[in-house]
Amino acid sequence: MSRSLKKGPNINERLLAKVKKMKPGDSTIIKVWKRDAVITPEMVGFIFGVHNGRDFIKVSVSEQMVGHRLGEFSPTRKFVRHGGRMAKEEDSATTSTPATTAATETSTEKKDGD
C-alpha cells in the first residue's frame, strides 16, 4: 500500500542530518536500517550500506534513484534456481556440451595435421 500524497514522502531526518555533515564525494559508507526511507536529491553521490536482514549491501545513489526507496536496491532474498528433474537434465546437458565440442575440435585438428 502506497503512502498518501497529503502525508508526503517518508524522509528520515536523522539520515539527512548524517548526509549534510558529510562532504560531497566522501567515500564513507553510511549504514542504514530504514529501508523505507525515500531517496532525496541531497543523497546523490553518497554510498549507503542498506541492511537486508543479514548484512549491509552497498548502494551508490545516482540521480535516477531519486524518489525511490533505499530498500528497492538491497534484495532480501537470493534466488538460487528452480529444482527438479528437468532442471537437472538441462544442467547436465549444458555442462557436458562445451566439453564434448572441445574434444571434437581437438580430434579434428589432429586429423588435419597428419
PDB file of N, CA and C in Angstrom:
ATOM      1  N   MET A   1       0.843  -1.174   0.000  1.00  0.00           N
ATOM      2  CA  MET A   1       0.000   0.000   0.000  1.00  0.00           C
ATOM      3  C   MET A   1       0.887   1.236   0.000  1.00  0.00           C
ATOM      4  N   SER A   2       0.599   2.160  -0.886  1.00  0.00           N
ATOM      5  CA  SER A   2       1.437   3.347  -1.002  1.00  0.00           C
ATOM      6  C   SER A   2       1.054   4.405   0.032  1.00  0.00           C
ATOM      7  N   ARG A   3       1.978   5.281   0.245  1.00  0.00           N
ATOM      8  CA  ARG A   3       1.760   6.351   1.210  1.00  0.00           C
ATOM      9  C   ARG A   3       0.920   7.447   0.558  1.00  0.00           C
ATOM     10  N   SER A   4      -0.005   8.021   1.312  1.00  0.00           N
ATOM     11  CA  SER A   4      -0.895   9.030   0.736  1.00  0.00           C
ATOM     12  C   SER A   4      -0.124  10.308   0.402  1.00  0.00           C
ATOM     13  N   LEU A   5      -0.600  11.027  -0.578  1.00  0.00           N
ATOM     14  CA  LEU A   5       0.090  12.234  -1.033  1.00  0.00           C
ATOM     15  C   LEU A   5       0.041  13.352  -0.008  1.00  0.00           C
ATOM     16  N   LYS A   6      -1.028  13.422   0.776  1.00  0.00           N
ATOM     17  CA  LYS A   6      -1.114  14.511   1.753  1.00  0.00           C
ATOM     18  C   LYS A   6      -0.106  14.347   2.886  1.00  0.00           C
ATOM     19  N   LYS A   7       0.342  13.118   3.140  1.00  0.00           N
ATOM     20  CA  LYS A   7       1.364  12.895   4.169  1.00  0.00           C
ATOM     21  C   LYS A   7       2.759  13.245   3.662  1.00  0.00           C
ATOM     22  N   GLY A   8       2.964  13.127   2.375  1.00  0.00           N
ATOM     23  CA  GLY A   8       4.273  13.422   1.814  1.00  0.00           C
ATOM     24  C   GLY A   8       5.187  12.211   1.864  1.00  0.00           C
ATOM     25  N   PRO A   9       6.380  12.325   1.293  1.00  0.00           N
ATOM     26  CA  PRO A   9       7.302  11.183   1.270  1.00  0.00           C
ATOM     27  C   PRO A   9       7.869  10.895   2.656  1.00  0.00           C
ATOM     28  N   ASN A  10       8.248   9.646   2.862  1.00  0.00           N
ATOM     29  CA  ASN A  10       8.818   9.213   4.132  1.00  0.00           C
ATOM     30  C   ASN A  10      10.317   9.494   4.117  1.00  0.00           C
ATOM     31  N   ILE A  11      10.691  10.666   4.585  1.00  0.00           N
ATOM     32  CA  ILE A  11      12.094  11.070   4.594  1.00  0.00           C
ATOM     33  C   ILE A  11      12.604  10.984   6.026  1.00  0.00           C
ATOM     34  N   ASN A  12      13.708  10.275   6.202  1.00  0.00           N
ATOM     35  CA  ASN A  12      14.290  10.092   7.521  1.00  0.00           C
ATOM     36  C   ASN A  12      15.175  11.304   7.847  1.00  0.00           C
ATOM     37  N   GLU A  13      14.786  12.067   8.839  1.00  0.00           N
ATOM     38  CA  GLU A  13      15.512  13.301   9.192  1.00  0.00           C
ATOM     39  C   GLU A  13      16.916  13.009   9.730  1.00  0.00           C
ATOM     40  N   ARG A  14      17.068  11.936  10.486  1.00  0.00           N
ATOM     41  CA  ARG A  14      18.390  11.597  11.022  1.00  0.00           C
ATOM     42  C   ARG A  14      19.348  11.223   9.889  1.00  0.00           C
ATOM     43  N   LEU A  15      18.817  10.564   8.884  1.00  0.00           N
ATOM     44  CA  LEU A  15      19.637  10.189   7.748  1.00  0.00           C
ATOM     45  C   LEU A  15      20.075  11.419   6.956  1.00  0.00           C
ATOM     46  N   LEU A  16      19.161  12.356   6.782  1.00  0.00           N
ATOM     47  CA  LEU A  16      19.517  13.604   6.087  1.00  0.00           C
ATOM     48  C   LEU A  16      20.554  14.401   6.870  1.00  0.00           C
ATOM     49  N   ALA A  17      20.466  14.379   8.196  1.00  0.00           N
ATOM     50  CA  ALA A  17      21.455  15.079   9.015  1.00  0.00           C
ATOM     51  C   ALA A  17      22.839  14.468   8.830  1.00  0.00           C
ATOM     52  N   LYS A  18      22.908  13.137   8.738  1.00  0.00           N
ATOM     53  CA  LYS A  18      24.194  12.470   8.507  1.00  0.00           C
ATOM     54  C   LYS A  18      24.760  12.847   7.144  1.00  0.00           C
ATOM     55  N   VAL A  19      23.886  12.920   6.154  1.00  0.00           N
ATOM     56  CA  VAL A  19      24.334  13.258   4.802  1.00  0.00           C
ATOM     57  C   VAL A  19      24.845  14.693   4.747  1.00  0.00           C
ATOM     58  N   LYS A  20      24.171  15.606   5.419  1.00  0.00           N
ATOM     59  CA  LYS A  20      24.582  17.017   5.393  1.00  0.00           C
ATOM     60  C   LYS A  20      25.910  17.245   6.107  1.00  0.00           C
ATOM     61  N   LYS A  21      26.230  16.399   7.097  1.00  0.00           N
ATOM     62  CA  LYS A  21      27.503  16.524   7.806  1.00  0.00           C
ATOM     63  C   LYS A  21      28.680  16.091   6.933  1.00  0.00           C
ATOM     64  N   MET A  22      28.423  15.185   5.994  1.00  0.00           N
ATOM     65  CA  MET A  22      29.500  14.654   5.156  1.00  0.00           C
ATOM     66  C   MET A  22      29.787  15.587   3.988  1.00  0.00           C
ATOM     67  N   LYS A  23      31.007  15.512   3.485  1.00  0.00           N
ATOM     68  CA  LYS A  23      31.406  16.307   2.330  1.00  0.00           C
ATOM     69  C   LYS A  23      31.003  15.574   1.051  1.00  0.00           C
ATOM     70  N   PRO A  24      30.675  16.298  -0.011  1.00  0.00           N
ATOM     71  CA  PRO A  24      30.355  15.641  -1.281  1.00  0.00           C
ATOM     72  C   PRO A  24      31.559  14.875  -1.822  1.00  0.00           C
ATOM     73  N   GLY A  25      31.318  13.674  -2.320  1.00  0.00           N
ATOM     74  CA  GLY A  25      32.402  12.850  -2.849  1.00  0.00           C
ATOM     75  C   GLY A  25      33.099  12.020  -1.794  1.00  0.00           C
ATOM     76  N   ASP A  26      32.647  12.094  -0.552  1.00  0.00           N
ATOM     77  CA  ASP A  26      33.241  11.302   0.524  1.00  0.00           C
ATOM     78  C   ASP A  26      32.881   9.836   0.304  1.00  0.00           C
ATOM     79  N   SER A  27      33.855   8.942   0.454  1.00  0.00           N
ATOM     80  CA  SER A  27      33.617   7.531   0.149  1.00  0.00           C
ATOM     81  C   SER A  27      33.227   6.710   1.384  1.00  0.00           C
ATOM     82  N   THR A  28      32.918   7.365   2.487  1.00  0.00           N
ATOM     83  CA  THR A  28      32.496   6.625   3.674  1.00  0.00           C
ATOM     84  C   THR A  28      31.103   6.056   3.459  1.00  0.00           C
ATOM     85  N   ILE A  29      30.886   4.874   3.991  1.00  0.00           N
ATOM     86  CA  ILE A  29      29.595   4.211   3.841  1.00  0.00           C
ATOM     87  C   ILE A  29      28.706   4.581   5.018  1.00  0.00           C
ATOM     88  N   ILE A  30      27.504   5.050   4.714  1.00  0.00           N
ATOM     89  CA  ILE A  30      26.525   5.399   5.743  1.00  0.00           C
ATOM     90  C   ILE A  30      25.629   4.185   5.943  1.00  0.00           C
ATOM     91  N   LYS A  31      25.674   3.584   7.133  1.00  0.00           N
ATOM     92  CA  LYS A  31      24.858   2.404   7.405  1.00  0.00           C
ATOM     93  C   LYS A  31      23.420   2.815   7.677  1.00  0.00           C
ATOM     94  N   VAL A  32      22.482   2.095   7.040  1.00  0.00           N
ATOM     95  CA  VAL A  32      21.063   2.438   7.133  1.00  0.00           C
ATOM     96  C   VAL A  32      20.259   1.167   7.392  1.00  0.00           C
ATOM     97  N   TRP A  33      19.380   1.239   8.372  1.00  0.00           N
ATOM     98  CA  TRP A  33      18.448   0.153   8.635  1.00  0.00           C
ATOM     99  C   TRP A  33      17.055   0.498   8.132  1.00  0.00           C
ATOM    100  N   LYS A  34      16.807   1.773   7.831  1.00  0.00           N
ATOM    101  CA  LYS A  34      15.489   2.237   7.376  1.00  0.00           C
ATOM    102  C   LYS A  34      15.377   2.024   5.874  1.00  0.00           C
ATOM    103  N   ARG A  35      14.874   0.862   5.481  1.00  0.00           N
ATOM    104  CA  ARG A  35      14.743   0.526   4.073  1.00  0.00           C
ATOM    105  C   ARG A  35      13.634   1.322   3.395  1.00  0.00           C
ATOM    106  N   ASP A  36      12.700   1.861   4.192  1.00  0.00           N
ATOM    107  CA  ASP A  36      11.565   2.582   3.616  1.00  0.00           C
ATOM    108  C   ASP A  36      11.832   4.073   3.433  1.00  0.00           C
ATOM    109  N   ALA A  37      13.047   4.520   3.722  1.00  0.00           N
ATOM    110  CA  ALA A  37      13.374   5.941   3.552  1.00  0.00           C
ATOM    111  C   ALA A  37      13.487   6.281   2.073  1.00  0.00           C
ATOM    112  N   VAL A  38      12.885   7.378   1.669  1.00  0.00           N
ATOM    113  CA  VAL A  38      12.886   7.807   0.279  1.00  0.00           C
ATOM    114  C   VAL A  38      14.195   8.523  -0.032  1.00  0.00           C
ATOM    115  N   ILE A  39      14.743   8.260  -1.201  1.00  0.00           N
ATOM    116  CA  ILE A  39      15.992   8.901  -1.625  1.00  0.00           C
ATOM    117  C   ILE A  39      15.688  10.315  -2.101  1.00  0.00           C
ATOM    118  N   THR A  40      16.384  11.281  -1.535  1.00  0.00           N
ATOM    119  CA  THR A  40      16.197  12.688  -1.885  1.00  0.00           C
ATOM    120  C   THR A  40      17.382  13.171  -2.721  1.00  0.00           C
ATOM    121  N   PRO A  41      17.262  14.320  -3.375  1.00  0.00           N
ATOM    122  CA  PRO A  41      18.377  14.832  -4.192  1.00  0.00           C
ATOM    123  C   PRO A  41      19.646  15.105  -3.387  1.00  0.00           C
ATOM    124  N   GLU A  42      19.528  15.354  -2.089  1.00  0.00           N
ATOM    125  CA  GLU A  42      20.725  15.598  -1.268  1.00  0.00           C
ATOM    126  C   GLU A  42      21.576  14.349  -1.106  1.00  0.00           C
ATOM    127  N   MET A  43      20.984  13.173  -1.312  1.00  0.00           N
ATOM    128  CA  MET A  43      21.691  11.910  -1.106  1.00  0.00           C
ATOM    129  C   MET A  43      22.485  11.457  -2.332  1.00  0.00           C
ATOM    130  N   VAL A  44      22.337  12.152  -3.453  1.00  0.00           N
ATOM    131  CA  VAL A  44      23.005  11.742  -4.689  1.00  0.00           C
ATOM    132  C   VAL A  44      24.513  11.855  -4.523  1.00  0.00           C
ATOM    133  N   GLY A  45      25.228  10.800  -4.921  1.00  0.00           N
ATOM    134  CA  GLY A  45      26.680  10.792  -4.861  1.00  0.00           C
ATOM    135  C   GLY A  45      27.248  10.122  -3.630  1.00  0.00           C
ATOM    136  N   PHE A  46      26.422   9.768  -2.673  1.00  0.00           N
ATOM    137  CA  PHE A  46      26.891   9.118  -1.453  1.00  0.00           C
ATOM    138  C   PHE A  46      26.673   7.616  -1.544  1.00  0.00           C
ATOM    139  N   ILE A  47      27.389   6.874  -0.703  1.00  0.00           N
ATOM    140  CA  ILE A  47      27.280   5.420  -0.663  1.00  0.00           C
ATOM    141  C   ILE A  47      26.612   5.029   0.647  1.00  0.00           C
ATOM    142  N   PHE A  48      25.546   4.239   0.536  1.00  0.00           N
ATOM    143  CA  PHE A  48      24.807   3.783   1.702  1.00  0.00           C
ATOM    144  C   PHE A  48      24.970   2.274   1.841  1.00  0.00           C
ATOM    145  N   GLY A  49      25.061   1.823   3.069  1.00  0.00           N
ATOM    146  CA  GLY A  49      25.047   0.394   3.364  1.00  0.00           C
ATOM    147  C   GLY A  49      23.657   0.053   3.862  1.00  0.00           C
ATOM    148  N   VAL A  50      22.813  -0.498   2.994  1.00  0.00           N
ATOM    149  CA  VAL A  50      21.418  -0.771   3.330  1.00  0.00           C
ATOM    150  C   VAL A  50      21.317  -2.186   3.876  1.00  0.00           C
ATOM    151  N   HIS A  51      20.733  -2.324   5.059  1.00  0.00           N
ATOM    152  CA  HIS A  51      20.619  -3.618   5.719  1.00  0.00           C
ATOM    153  C   HIS A  51      19.528  -4.444   5.063  1.00  0.00           C
ATOM    154  N   ASN A  52      19.830  -5.705   4.752  1.00  0.00           N
ATOM    155  CA  ASN A  52      18.828  -6.556   4.122  1.00  0.00           C
ATOM    156  C   ASN A  52      18.335  -7.659   5.051  1.00  0.00           C
ATOM    157  N   GLY A  53      18.619  -7.559   6.328  1.00  0.00           N
ATOM    158  CA  GLY A  53      18.211  -8.567   7.280  1.00  0.00           C
ATOM    159  C   GLY A  53      19.369  -9.422   7.737  1.00  0.00           C
ATOM    160  N   ARG A  54      20.410  -9.482   6.941  1.00  0.00           N
ATOM    161  CA  ARG A  54      21.573 -10.285   7.279  1.00  0.00           C
ATOM    162  C   ARG A  54      22.846  -9.443   7.282  1.00  0.00           C
ATOM    163  N   ASP A  55      23.065  -8.698   6.220  1.00  0.00           N
ATOM    164  CA  ASP A  55      24.257  -7.861   6.135  1.00  0.00           C
ATOM    165  C   ASP A  55      23.937  -6.578   5.373  1.00  0.00           C
ATOM    166  N   PHE A  56      24.930  -5.727   5.220  1.00  0.00           N
ATOM    167  CA  PHE A  56      24.730  -4.442   4.564  1.00  0.00           C
ATOM    168  C   PHE A  56      25.173  -4.539   3.108  1.00  0.00           C
ATOM    169  N   ILE A  57      24.323  -4.076   2.217  1.00  0.00           N
ATOM    170  CA  ILE A  57      24.629  -4.080   0.796  1.00  0.00           C
ATOM    171  C   ILE A  57      24.921  -2.647   0.372  1.00  0.00           C
ATOM    172  N   LYS A  58      26.061  -2.443  -0.306  1.00  0.00           N
ATOM    173  CA  LYS A  58      26.465  -1.105  -0.712  1.00  0.00           C
ATOM    174  C   LYS A  58      25.597  -0.622  -1.854  1.00  0.00           C
ATOM    175  N   VAL A  59      25.035   0.576  -1.679  1.00  0.00           N
ATOM    176  CA  VAL A  59      24.198   1.198  -2.702  1.00  0.00           C
ATOM    177  C   VAL A  59      24.769   2.577  -2.980  1.00  0.00           C
ATOM    178  N   SER A  60      25.232   2.790  -4.201  1.00  0.00           N
ATOM    179  CA  SER A  60      25.724   4.090  -4.605  1.00  0.00           C
ATOM    180  C   SER A  60      24.561   4.831  -5.261  1.00  0.00           C
ATOM    181  N   VAL A  61      24.181   5.959  -4.705  1.00  0.00           N
ATOM    182  CA  VAL A  61      22.976   6.665  -5.153  1.00  0.00           C
ATOM    183  C   VAL A  61      23.294   7.547  -6.349  1.00  0.00           C
ATOM    184  N   SER A  62      22.464   7.421  -7.397  1.00  0.00           N
ATOM    185  CA  SER A  62      22.587   8.260  -8.583  1.00  0.00           C
ATOM    186  C   SER A  62      21.304   9.078  -8.752  1.00  0.00           C
ATOM    187  N   GLU A  63      21.283   9.932  -9.746  1.00  0.00           N
ATOM    188  CA  GLU A  63      20.126  10.815  -9.944  1.00  0.00           C
ATOM    189  C   GLU A  63      18.868  10.059 -10.340  1.00  0.00           C
ATOM    190  N   GLN A  64      19.015   8.921 -11.005  1.00  0.00           N
ATOM    191  CA  GLN A  64      17.850   8.145 -11.427  1.00  0.00           C
ATOM    192  C   GLN A  64      17.134   7.486 -10.249  1.00  0.00           C
ATOM    193  N   MET A  65      17.785   7.397  -9.105  1.00  0.00           N
ATOM    194  CA  MET A  65      17.204   6.736  -7.931  1.00  0.00           C
ATOM    195  C   MET A  65      16.349   7.671  -7.082  1.00  0.00           C
ATOM    196  N   VAL A  66      16.375   8.962  -7.353  1.00  0.00           N
ATOM    197  CA  VAL A  66      15.633   9.923  -6.542  1.00  0.00           C
ATOM    198  C   VAL A  66      14.147   9.616  -6.625  1.00  0.00           C
ATOM    199  N   GLY A  67      13.507   9.560  -5.463  1.00  0.00           N
ATOM    200  CA  GLY A  67      12.082   9.250  -5.402  1.00  0.00           C
ATOM    201  C   GLY A  67      11.808   7.798  -5.066  1.00  0.00           C
ATOM    202  N   HIS A  68      12.796   6.933  -5.241  1.00  0.00           N
ATOM    203  CA  HIS A  68      12.641   5.524  -4.893  1.00  0.00           C
ATOM    204  C   HIS A  68      13.032   5.319  -3.433  1.00  0.00           C
ATOM    205  N   ARG A  69      12.821   4.134  -2.940  1.00  0.00           N
ATOM    206  CA  ARG A  69      13.186   3.826  -1.554  1.00  0.00           C
ATOM    207  C   ARG A  69      14.512   3.078  -1.529  1.00  0.00           C
ATOM    208  N   LEU A  70      15.236   3.207  -0.416  1.00  0.00           N
ATOM    209  CA  LEU A  70      16.541   2.561  -0.296  1.00  0.00           C
ATOM    210  C   LEU A  70      16.431   1.037  -0.363  1.00  0.00           C
ATOM    211  N   GLY A  71      15.365   0.479   0.171  1.00  0.00           N
ATOM    212  CA  GLY A  71      15.209  -0.966   0.203  1.00  0.00           C
ATOM    213  C   GLY A  71      15.033  -1.601  -1.159  1.00  0.00           C
ATOM    214  N   GLU A  72      14.668  -0.819  -2.162  1.00  0.00           N
ATOM    215  CA  GLU A  72      14.484  -1.359  -3.503  1.00  0.00           C
ATOM    216  C   GLU A  72      15.803  -1.836  -4.110  1.00  0.00           C
ATOM    217  N   PHE A  73      16.905  -1.301  -3.641  1.00  0.00           N
ATOM    218  CA  PHE A  73      18.205  -1.611  -4.214  1.00  0.00           C
ATOM    219  C   PHE A  73      19.006  -2.582  -3.358  1.00  0.00           C
ATOM    220  N   SER A  74      18.382  -3.162  -2.347  1.00  0.00           N
ATOM    221  CA  SER A  74      19.024  -4.135  -1.480  1.00  0.00           C
ATOM    222  C   SER A  74      18.110  -5.347  -1.344  1.00  0.00           C
ATOM    223  N   PRO A  75      18.254  -6.350  -2.227  1.00  0.00           N
ATOM    224  CA  PRO A  75      17.341  -7.501  -2.185  1.00  0.00           C
ATOM    225  C   PRO A  75      17.497  -8.311  -0.897  1.00  0.00           C
ATOM    226  N   THR A  76      16.381  -8.800  -0.400  1.00  0.00           N
ATOM    227  CA  THR A  76      16.396  -9.567   0.848  1.00  0.00           C
ATOM    228  C   THR A  76      16.452 -11.060   0.606  1.00  0.00           C
ATOM    229  N   ARG A  77      16.127 -11.496  -0.598  1.00  0.00           N
ATOM    230  CA  ARG A  77      16.127 -12.919  -0.919  1.00  0.00           C
ATOM    231  C   ARG A  77      17.108 -13.187  -2.056  1.00  0.00           C
ATOM    232  N   LYS A  78      17.719 -14.355  -1.991  1.00  0.00           N
ATOM    233  CA  LYS A  78      18.687 -14.735  -3.008  1.00  0.00           C
ATOM    234  C   LYS A  78      18.102 -15.890  -3.821  1.00  0.00           C
ATOM    235  N   PHE A  79      17.926 -15.678  -5.123  1.00  0.00           N
ATOM    236  CA  PHE A  79      17.391 -16.724  -5.981  1.00  0.00           C
ATOM    237  C   PHE A  79      18.513 -17.680  -6.347  1.00  0.00           C
ATOM    238  N   VAL A  80      18.340 -18.945  -6.030  1.00  0.00           N
ATOM    239  CA  VAL A  80      19.345 -19.939  -6.371  1.00  0.00           C
ATOM    240  C   VAL A  80      19.006 -20.500  -7.751  1.00  0.00           C
ATOM    241  N   ARG A  81      17.978 -21.274  -7.862  1.00  0.00           N
ATOM    242  CA  ARG A  81      17.414 -21.741  -9.117  1.00  0.00           C
ATOM    243  C   ARG A  81      16.313 -22.738  -8.803  1.00  0.00           C
ATOM    244  N   HIS A  82      15.528 -23.029  -9.810  1.00  0.00           N
ATOM    245  CA  HIS A  82      14.467 -23.992  -9.638  1.00  0.00           C
ATOM    246  C   HIS A  82      15.056 -25.394  -9.692  1.00  0.00           C
ATOM    247  N   GLY A  83      14.497 -26.291  -8.902  1.00  0.00           N
ATOM    248  CA  GLY A  83      14.996 -27.659  -8.877  1.00  0.00           C
ATOM    249  C   GLY A  83      14.130 -28.578  -9.700  1.00  0.00           C
ATOM    250  N   GLY A  84      14.308 -29.841  -9.493  1.00  0.00           N
ATOM    251  CA  GLY A  84      13.504 -30.816 -10.199  1.00  0.00           C
ATOM    252  C   GLY A  84      14.306 -31.582 -11.227  1.00  0.00           C
ATOM    253  N   ARG A  85      13.671 -32.606 -11.792  1.00  0.00           N
ATOM    254  CA  ARG A  85      14.336 -33.495 -12.736  1.00  0.00           C
ATOM    255  C   ARG A  85      14.700 -32.765 -14.029  1.00  0.00           C
ATOM    256  N   MET A  86      13.786 -31.951 -14.546  1.00  0.00           N
ATOM    257  CA  MET A  86      14.046 -31.260 -15.804  1.00  0.00           C
ATOM    258  C   MET A  86      15.210 -30.274 -15.676  1.00  0.00           C
ATOM    259  N   ALA A  87      15.295 -29.592 -14.542  1.00  0.00           N
ATOM    260  CA  ALA A  87      16.387 -28.647 -14.341  1.00  0.00           C
ATOM    261  C   ALA A  87      17.723 -29.374 -14.254  1.00  0.00           C
ATOM    262  N   LYS A  88      17.746 -30.538 -13.624  1.00  0.00           N
ATOM    263  CA  LYS A  88      18.982 -31.311 -13.533  1.00  0.00           C
ATOM    264  C   LYS A  88      19.409 -31.809 -14.907  1.00  0.00           C
ATOM    265  N   GLU A  89      18.441 -32.220 -15.729  1.00  0.00           N
ATOM    266  CA  GLU A  89      18.773 -32.683 -17.074  1.00  0.00           C
ATOM    267  C   GLU A  89      19.314 -31.538 -17.928  1.00  0.00           C
ATOM    268  N   GLU A  90      18.719 -30.371 -17.821  1.00  0.00           N
ATOM    269  CA  GLU A  90      19.218 -29.213 -18.563  1.00  0.00           C
ATOM    270  C   GLU A  90      20.614 -28.840 -18.113  1.00  0.00           C
ATOM    271  N   ASP A  91      20.839 -28.881 -16.793  1.00  0.00           N
ATOM    272  CA  ASP A  91      22.140 -28.519 -16.246  1.00  0.00           C
ATOM    273  C   ASP A  91      23.209 -29.495 -16.714  1.00  0.00           C
ATOM    274  N   SER A  92      22.898 -30.775 -16.688  1.00  0.00           N
ATOM    275  CA  SER A  92      23.879 -31.762 -17.130  1.00  0.00           C
ATOM    276  C   SER A  92      24.123 -31.642 -18.635  1.00  0.00           C
ATOM    277  N   ALA A  93      23.102 -31.288 -19.401  1.00  0.00           N
ATOM    278  CA  ALA A  93      23.271 -31.138 -20.843  1.00  0.00           C
ATOM    279  C   ALA A  93      24.140 -29.930 -21.171  1.00  0.00           C
ATOM    280  N   THR A  94      23.971 -28.839 -20.450  1.00  0.00           N
ATOM    281  CA  THR A  94      24.763 -27.636 -20.737  1.00  0.00           C
ATOM    282  C   THR A  94      26.198 -27.795 -20.280  1.00  0.00           C
ATOM    283  N   THR A  95      26.438 -28.516 -19.192  1.00  0.00           N
ATOM    284  CA  THR A  95      27.815 -28.677 -18.724  1.00  0.00           C
ATOM    285  C   THR A  95      28.580 -29.669 -19.583  1.00  0.00           C
ATOM    286  N   SER A  96      27.902 -30.667 -20.143  1.00  0.00           N
ATOM    287  CA  SER A  96      28.602 -31.654 -20.953  1.00  0.00           C
ATOM    288  C   SER A  96      28.823 -31.156 -22.384  1.00  0.00           C
ATOM    289  N   THR A  97      28.032 -30.245 -22.879  1.00  0.00           N
ATOM    290  CA  THR A  97      28.131 -29.788 -24.259  1.00  0.00           C
ATOM    291  C   THR A  97      29.466 -29.092 -24.562  1.00  0.00           C
ATOM    292  N   PRO A  98      29.935 -28.129 -23.770  1.00  0.00           N
ATOM    293  CA  PRO A  98      31.211 -27.480 -24.101  1.00  0.00           C
ATOM    294  C   PRO A  98      32.381 -28.452 -24.057  1.00  0.00           C
ATOM    295  N   ALA A  99      32.364 -29.412 -23.160  1.00  0.00           N
ATOM    296  CA  ALA A  99      33.470 -30.361 -23.055  1.00  0.00           C
ATOM    297  C   ALA A  99      33.523 -31.255 -24.283  1.00  0.00           C
ATOM    298  N   THR A 100      32.382 -31.712 -24.765  1.00  0.00           N
ATOM    299  CA  THR A 100      32.379 -32.592 -25.936  1.00  0.00           C
ATOM    300  C   THR A 100      32.755 -31.831 -27.191  1.00  0.00           C
ATOM    301  N   THR A 101      32.329 -30.591 -27.327  1.00  0.00           N
ATOM    302  CA  THR A 101      32.696 -29.818 -28.513  1.00  0.00           C
ATOM    303  C   THR A 101      34.187 -29.510 -28.511  1.00  0.00           C
ATOM    304  N   ALA A 102      34.756 -29.264 -27.349  1.00  0.00           N
ATOM    305  CA  ALA A 102      36.196 -29.006 -27.273  1.00  0.00           C
ATOM    306  C   ALA A 102      36.970 -30.262 -27.626  1.00  0.00           C
ATOM    307  N   ALA A 103      36.483 -31.427 -27.203  1.00  0.00           N
ATOM    308  CA  ALA A 103      37.163 -32.683 -27.517  1.00  0.00           C
ATOM    309  C   ALA A 103      37.085 -32.979 -29.002  1.00  0.00           C
ATOM    310  N   THR A 104      35.955 -32.709 -29.630  1.00  0.00           N
ATOM    311  CA  THR A 104      35.836 -32.983 -31.068  1.00  0.00           C
ATOM    312  C   THR A 104      36.684 -32.021 -31.877  1.00  0.00           C
ATOM    313  N   GLU A 105      36.829 -30.784 -31.431  1.00  0.00           N
ATOM    314  CA  GLU A 105      37.657 -29.819 -32.147  1.00  0.00           C
ATOM    315  C   GLU A 105      39.117 -30.244 -32.125  1.00  0.00           C
ATOM    316  N   THR A 106      39.600 -30.718 -30.967  1.00  0.00           N
ATOM    317  CA  THR A 106      40.999 -31.121 -30.879  1.00  0.00           C
ATOM    318  C   THR A 106      41.246 -32.380 -31.691  1.00  0.00           C
ATOM    319  N   SER A 107      40.270 -33.291 -31.743  1.00  0.00           N
ATOM    320  CA  SER A 107      40.469 -34.512 -32.527  1.00  0.00           C
ATOM    321  C   SER A 107      40.472 -34.201 -34.023  1.00  0.00           C
ATOM    322  N   THR A 108      39.668 -33.248 -34.483  1.00  0.00           N
ATOM    323  CA  THR A 108      39.668 -32.893 -35.896  1.00  0.00           C
ATOM    324  C   THR A 108      40.950 -32.164 -36.266  1.00  0.00           C
ATOM    325  N   GLU A 109      41.501 -31.395 -35.342  1.00  0.00           N
ATOM    326  CA  GLU A 109      42.766 -30.707 -35.618  1.00  0.00           C
ATOM    327  C   GLU A 109      43.903 -31.713 -35.779  1.00  0.00           C
ATOM    328  N   LYS A 110      43.875 -32.777 -34.975  1.00  0.00           N
ATOM    329  CA  LYS A 110      44.923 -33.790 -35.070  1.00  0.00           C
ATOM    330  C   LYS A 110      44.834 -34.524 -36.414  1.00  0.00           C
ATOM    331  N   LYS A 111      43.607 -34.775 -36.869  1.00  0.00           N
ATOM    332  CA  LYS A 111      43.434 -35.459 -38.145  1.00  0.00           C
ATOM    333  C   LYS A 111      43.898 -34.590 -39.298  1.00  0.00           C
ATOM    334  N   ASP A 112      43.647 -33.297 -39.205  1.00  0.00           N
ATOM    335  CA  ASP A 112      44.065 -32.387 -40.268  1.00  0.00           C
ATOM    336  C   ASP A 112      45.585 -32.267 -40.317  1.00  0.00           C
ATOM    337  N   GLY A 113      46.221 -32.341 -39.173  1.00  0.00           N
ATOM    338  CA  GLY A 113      47.667 -32.165 -39.089  1.00  0.00           C
ATOM    339  C   GLY A 113      48.420 -33.376 -39.603  1.00  0.00           C
ATOM    340  N   ASP A 114      47.844 -34.567 -39.626  1.00  0.00           N
ATOM    341  CA  ASP A 114      48.541 -35.783 -40.066  1.00  0.00           C
ATOM    342  C   ASP A 114      48.733 -35.879 -41.515  1.00  0.00           C
TER     343      ASP A 114
END
